[in-house]
N, C-alpha and C. Protein backbone atom coordinates (compact mmCIF):
# COMPACT_ATOMS: atom_id res chain seq x y z
N MET A 1 16.66 35.88 -18.38
CA MET A 1 16.56 34.99 -18.65
C MET A 1 16.38 33.80 -17.44
N ALA A 2 15.66 32.96 -17.58
CA ALA A 2 15.31 31.77 -16.77
C ALA A 2 16.23 30.50 -16.44
N ASN A 3 16.23 29.83 -15.41
CA ASN A 3 17.12 29.03 -15.15
C ASN A 3 17.09 28.14 -15.89
N PRO A 4 18.10 27.04 -16.12
CA PRO A 4 18.64 25.72 -17.19
C PRO A 4 17.63 24.79 -16.74
N THR A 5 16.80 24.52 -17.35
CA THR A 5 15.97 23.41 -17.15
C THR A 5 16.76 21.80 -17.20
N ILE A 6 17.37 21.16 -15.55
CA ILE A 6 17.67 20.12 -15.25
C ILE A 6 16.82 19.10 -15.32
N GLY A 7 16.19 18.83 -15.95
CA GLY A 7 14.56 17.79 -15.58
C GLY A 7 13.29 17.83 -15.75
N HIS A 8 12.41 17.29 -16.27
CA HIS A 8 10.86 17.55 -16.32
C HIS A 8 10.17 16.40 -15.34
N ILE A 9 8.84 17.18 -15.09
CA ILE A 9 7.96 16.62 -13.75
C ILE A 9 6.73 16.78 -14.42
N ASP A 10 5.71 15.26 -14.40
CA ASP A 10 4.02 15.82 -14.91
C ASP A 10 3.63 16.43 -14.07
N CYS A 11 2.83 17.26 -14.54
CA CYS A 11 2.56 18.44 -14.11
C CYS A 11 0.92 17.46 -12.73
N PRO A 12 1.52 17.51 -11.85
CA PRO A 12 -0.82 16.92 -11.33
C PRO A 12 -2.21 18.25 -10.88
N ILE A 13 -1.10 19.07 -11.35
CA ILE A 13 -2.05 19.58 -11.88
C ILE A 13 -2.97 20.04 -13.11
N CYS A 14 -1.92 20.39 -13.50
CA CYS A 14 -2.86 21.12 -15.25
C CYS A 14 -2.37 19.48 -16.00
N LYS A 15 -1.81 17.97 -15.43
CA LYS A 15 -1.69 17.05 -16.24
C LYS A 15 -0.56 16.94 -17.29
N THR A 16 0.41 18.18 -18.06
CA THR A 16 1.24 18.36 -18.80
C THR A 16 2.30 18.70 -18.44
N GLU A 17 3.43 18.25 -18.89
CA GLU A 17 5.76 17.84 -18.51
C GLU A 17 5.93 19.31 -18.34
N GLY A 18 6.42 19.25 -16.93
CA GLY A 18 6.56 20.69 -16.14
C GLY A 18 8.10 20.68 -16.39
N GLU A 19 9.14 21.45 -16.56
CA GLU A 19 10.65 21.67 -16.72
C GLU A 19 11.34 21.90 -15.28
N ILE A 20 11.97 21.25 -14.54
CA ILE A 20 12.27 21.57 -13.21
C ILE A 20 13.74 22.19 -13.42
N ARG A 21 13.75 23.35 -12.13
CA ARG A 21 14.87 23.99 -12.48
C ARG A 21 14.42 24.67 -11.22
N ARG A 22 16.54 25.08 -10.50
CA ARG A 22 16.84 25.19 -9.39
C ARG A 22 16.60 26.63 -9.04
N TYR A 23 16.57 26.71 -7.72
CA TYR A 23 16.11 28.72 -7.66
C TYR A 23 17.77 29.06 -8.20
N ALA A 24 17.92 30.51 -8.56
CA ALA A 24 18.96 30.87 -8.69
C ALA A 24 19.71 31.36 -7.66
N THR A 25 19.00 31.40 -6.25
CA THR A 25 19.81 32.35 -5.42
C THR A 25 20.83 30.96 -4.94
N GLY A 26 21.66 31.03 -4.07
CA GLY A 26 22.35 30.17 -3.83
C GLY A 26 22.09 29.14 -2.77
N THR A 27 20.45 28.83 -3.07
CA THR A 27 19.25 27.45 -2.45
C THR A 27 19.64 26.46 -3.33
N ARG A 28 19.80 25.31 -3.21
CA ARG A 28 19.96 23.96 -4.06
C ARG A 28 18.01 23.91 -4.63
N LYS A 29 16.89 24.49 -3.55
CA LYS A 29 15.45 23.72 -3.71
C LYS A 29 14.82 23.67 -5.36
N LEU A 30 13.97 23.38 -5.59
CA LEU A 30 13.41 23.55 -7.06
C LEU A 30 12.60 23.20 -7.61
N TYR A 31 11.92 23.81 -8.46
CA TYR A 31 10.42 24.68 -8.52
C TYR A 31 10.25 23.61 -9.81
N TRP A 32 8.76 23.94 -11.03
CA TRP A 32 8.88 23.60 -11.61
C TRP A 32 8.31 24.67 -12.66
N TYR A 33 8.54 24.60 -13.97
CA TYR A 33 7.60 25.88 -14.74
C TYR A 33 6.60 24.43 -15.57
N CYS A 34 5.84 24.73 -15.59
CA CYS A 34 4.44 23.98 -16.25
C CYS A 34 3.50 25.08 -16.88
N GLN A 35 2.07 24.45 -17.69
CA GLN A 35 1.00 25.69 -18.18
C GLN A 35 0.58 26.16 -16.83
N CYS A 36 0.47 26.04 -15.37
CA CYS A 36 -0.43 26.22 -14.27
C CYS A 36 1.15 27.62 -14.14
N GLY A 37 1.87 27.79 -14.84
CA GLY A 37 3.66 28.86 -14.14
C GLY A 37 4.04 27.74 -13.86
N GLN A 38 4.58 28.93 -12.49
CA GLN A 38 6.23 28.44 -11.41
C GLN A 38 5.81 27.77 -10.43
N ILE A 39 5.35 26.82 -9.91
CA ILE A 39 5.38 25.80 -9.24
C ILE A 39 6.64 25.35 -8.08
N ARG A 40 6.39 26.75 -7.03
CA ARG A 40 7.82 25.88 -5.51
C ARG A 40 7.47 25.52 -4.34
N PRO A 41 6.98 24.49 -4.57
CA PRO A 41 7.17 23.63 -3.31
C PRO A 41 7.94 23.53 -2.58
N THR A 42 7.99 24.56 -0.95
CA THR A 42 9.55 24.51 -0.80
C THR A 42 9.34 24.33 0.66
N SER A 43 8.62 23.73 1.33
CA SER A 43 8.86 22.93 2.14
C SER A 43 9.72 21.07 1.88
N TYR A 44 9.55 20.59 2.89
CA TYR A 44 10.87 19.30 2.87
C TYR A 44 9.62 18.80 1.97
N GLU A 45 8.33 18.29 2.41
CA GLU A 45 7.06 17.62 1.65
C GLU A 45 6.83 17.72 0.35
N GLY A 46 7.29 19.52 0.23
CA GLY A 46 7.13 19.83 -1.68
C GLY A 46 8.57 19.33 -1.91
N GLN A 47 10.13 19.48 -2.11
CA GLN A 47 11.02 18.88 -2.60
C GLN A 47 11.41 17.81 -2.50
N LYS A 48 10.61 16.84 -1.41
CA LYS A 48 10.73 15.51 -1.78
C LYS A 48 9.82 14.78 -2.69
N PHE A 49 8.30 15.71 -2.79
CA PHE A 49 7.74 15.03 -3.89
C PHE A 49 8.89 15.63 -5.88
N ILE A 50 9.36 16.40 -5.31
CA ILE A 50 10.27 16.88 -7.10
C ILE A 50 11.03 16.15 -6.79
N ASN A 51 11.24 15.03 -5.77
CA ASN A 51 13.37 14.89 -6.23
C ASN A 51 11.99 13.26 -6.30
N GLU A 52 11.03 12.85 -6.10
CA GLU A 52 10.82 11.69 -6.12
C GLU A 52 9.66 11.14 -7.31
N ASN A 53 9.32 12.31 -8.28
CA ASN A 53 9.22 12.05 -9.37
C ASN A 53 9.52 12.64 -10.57
N ALA A 54 10.76 13.61 -10.75
CA ALA A 54 11.13 14.31 -11.62
C ALA A 54 12.20 12.88 -11.96
N ARG A 55 11.66 13.47 -13.96
CA ARG A 55 12.82 13.21 -14.75
C ARG A 55 14.48 13.31 -15.22
N PHE A 56 15.55 13.50 -14.26
CA PHE A 56 16.34 14.50 -14.63
C PHE A 56 17.13 14.06 -15.92
N ILE A 57 17.89 15.13 -15.88
CA ILE A 57 18.60 15.03 -16.92
C ILE A 57 20.72 15.01 -16.98
N GLY A 58 21.05 15.16 -17.82
CA GLY A 58 22.16 15.47 -18.22
C GLY A 58 22.75 16.66 -18.90
N GLU A 59 23.74 17.22 -18.90
CA GLU A 59 24.44 18.12 -20.22
C GLU A 59 24.69 17.25 -21.33
N ASN A 60 24.20 16.16 -21.63
CA ASN A 60 24.24 15.23 -23.22
C ASN A 60 22.49 14.85 -23.20
N GLY A 61 21.81 15.54 -22.59
CA GLY A 61 19.88 14.46 -21.77
C GLY A 61 20.39 13.41 -21.59
N GLN A 62 21.33 12.47 -21.30
CA GLN A 62 20.71 10.93 -19.96
C GLN A 62 20.04 11.81 -18.74
N PRO A 63 19.34 10.36 -18.32
CA PRO A 63 18.66 10.08 -17.26
C PRO A 63 19.95 10.36 -16.45
N LEU A 64 19.65 11.44 -15.32
CA LEU A 64 20.38 11.81 -13.83
C LEU A 64 19.72 10.92 -12.79
N ARG A 65 20.66 10.63 -11.44
CA ARG A 65 19.39 9.79 -10.60
C ARG A 65 19.36 11.30 -9.62
N ALA A 66 18.13 10.82 -8.71
CA ALA A 66 17.41 11.92 -8.23
C ALA A 66 18.65 12.74 -7.38
N VAL A 67 18.73 14.09 -7.16
CA VAL A 67 18.79 14.75 -6.22
C VAL A 67 18.46 15.09 -4.84
N LYS A 68 19.61 14.57 -3.71
CA LYS A 68 18.73 14.60 -2.59
C LYS A 68 18.45 16.01 -1.94
N PRO A 69 17.69 16.39 -1.62
CA PRO A 69 17.83 17.94 -0.57
C PRO A 69 18.95 18.03 -0.27
N VAL A 70 19.14 19.03 0.25
CA VAL A 70 20.56 19.34 1.74
C VAL A 70 19.63 20.45 2.30
N ASN A 71 20.11 20.74 3.32
CA ASN A 71 20.11 21.24 4.22
C ASN A 71 18.80 21.49 4.69
N GLU A 72 17.88 19.75 4.21
CA GLU A 72 16.40 19.80 4.55
C GLU A 72 16.27 18.69 5.36
N THR A 73 15.61 19.71 6.78
CA THR A 73 15.14 17.96 8.02
C THR A 73 13.98 17.80 8.36
N LYS A 74 13.41 16.21 7.99
CA LYS A 74 11.80 15.65 8.10
C LYS A 74 11.54 16.20 9.20
N PRO A 75 10.72 16.48 9.28
CA PRO A 75 9.98 17.19 11.03
C PRO A 75 9.63 15.91 11.73
N VAL A 76 9.64 16.01 12.65
CA VAL A 76 9.26 14.80 13.73
C VAL A 76 7.65 14.90 14.50
N ASN A 77 7.40 13.85 13.72
CA ASN A 77 5.39 13.71 14.31
C ASN A 77 5.30 13.54 15.59
N ASP A 78 6.19 12.38 15.45
CA ASP A 78 5.38 11.24 16.99
C ASP A 78 6.10 11.78 18.04
N VAL A 79 6.75 12.65 18.37
CA VAL A 79 7.52 13.78 19.56
C VAL A 79 5.89 14.71 19.65
N LYS A 80 5.55 14.06 21.01
CA LYS A 80 4.04 15.32 21.09
C LYS A 80 5.35 15.93 22.43
N ASP A 81 5.14 17.20 22.68
CA ASP A 81 4.37 17.61 24.57
C ASP A 81 3.79 17.34 24.33
N LYS A 82 3.59 17.00 25.72
CA LYS A 82 2.41 16.64 26.92
C LYS A 82 1.92 17.90 27.73
N GLY A 83 2.63 18.66 27.47
CA GLY A 83 1.74 19.87 28.06
C GLY A 83 2.22 19.87 29.88
N LEU A 84 2.04 21.50 30.89
CA LEU A 84 2.08 21.16 31.66
C LEU A 84 0.59 19.78 32.83
N LEU A 85 -0.55 19.50 32.04
CA LEU A 85 -1.12 19.37 32.48
C LEU A 85 -1.13 17.59 32.41
N GLY A 86 -0.51 17.40 31.33
CA GLY A 86 -0.06 16.35 30.75
C GLY A 86 0.83 15.09 31.37
N TRP A 87 2.16 16.06 31.80
CA TRP A 87 3.17 16.43 32.41
C TRP A 87 2.65 15.49 34.10
N PHE A 88 1.65 16.08 35.06
CA PHE A 88 0.90 15.96 36.07
C PHE A 88 0.28 14.48 35.75
N LEU A 89 -0.46 14.36 34.99
CA LEU A 89 -1.24 12.78 34.99
C LEU A 89 -0.33 11.90 34.49
N SER A 90 1.31 12.01 33.31
CA SER A 90 1.35 10.76 33.16
C SER A 90 2.08 9.69 34.36
N ASP A 91 2.09 8.25 33.80
CA ASP A 91 2.63 8.09 34.59
C ASP A 91 4.27 7.93 34.68
N ASP A 92 4.66 8.48 34.29
CA ASP A 92 5.87 7.78 34.08
C ASP A 92 6.90 8.71 35.48
N ASP A 93 7.61 7.60 35.14
CA ASP A 93 8.68 7.59 36.88
C ASP A 93 9.70 8.09 36.38
N GLU A 94 10.55 8.57 35.65
CA GLU A 94 11.63 9.69 35.57
C GLU A 94 11.66 11.14 36.63
N VAL A 95 12.32 11.59 36.73
CA VAL A 95 12.34 13.21 37.58
C VAL A 95 13.00 13.48 36.73
N THR A 96 13.04 14.34 36.15
CA THR A 96 14.11 15.01 35.48
C THR A 96 14.03 16.17 36.83
N ALA A 97 16.01 17.07 36.70
CA ALA A 97 16.43 18.47 37.54
C ALA A 97 15.92 19.81 37.02
């Protein structure tokens, strides 16, 4: 038995309307089903795409607000490890123990 449809999304691949569903396991992750088949973007950015482009529906058919993914952390790209060579060549005066 298929998981219940909780919303709709326009598939960027086949350009048809897909049905948004939630994984059957205990996770809150979302996926959609369309003519392409099951599209299951599990990364933070994939789940963000679904939440930003979904039209969620309630039990009475009324639109709902987007569900914020839980237990997902946005990757931090602005902090980069300098490595050993970068540490030697850096002009930081900070001394660490």
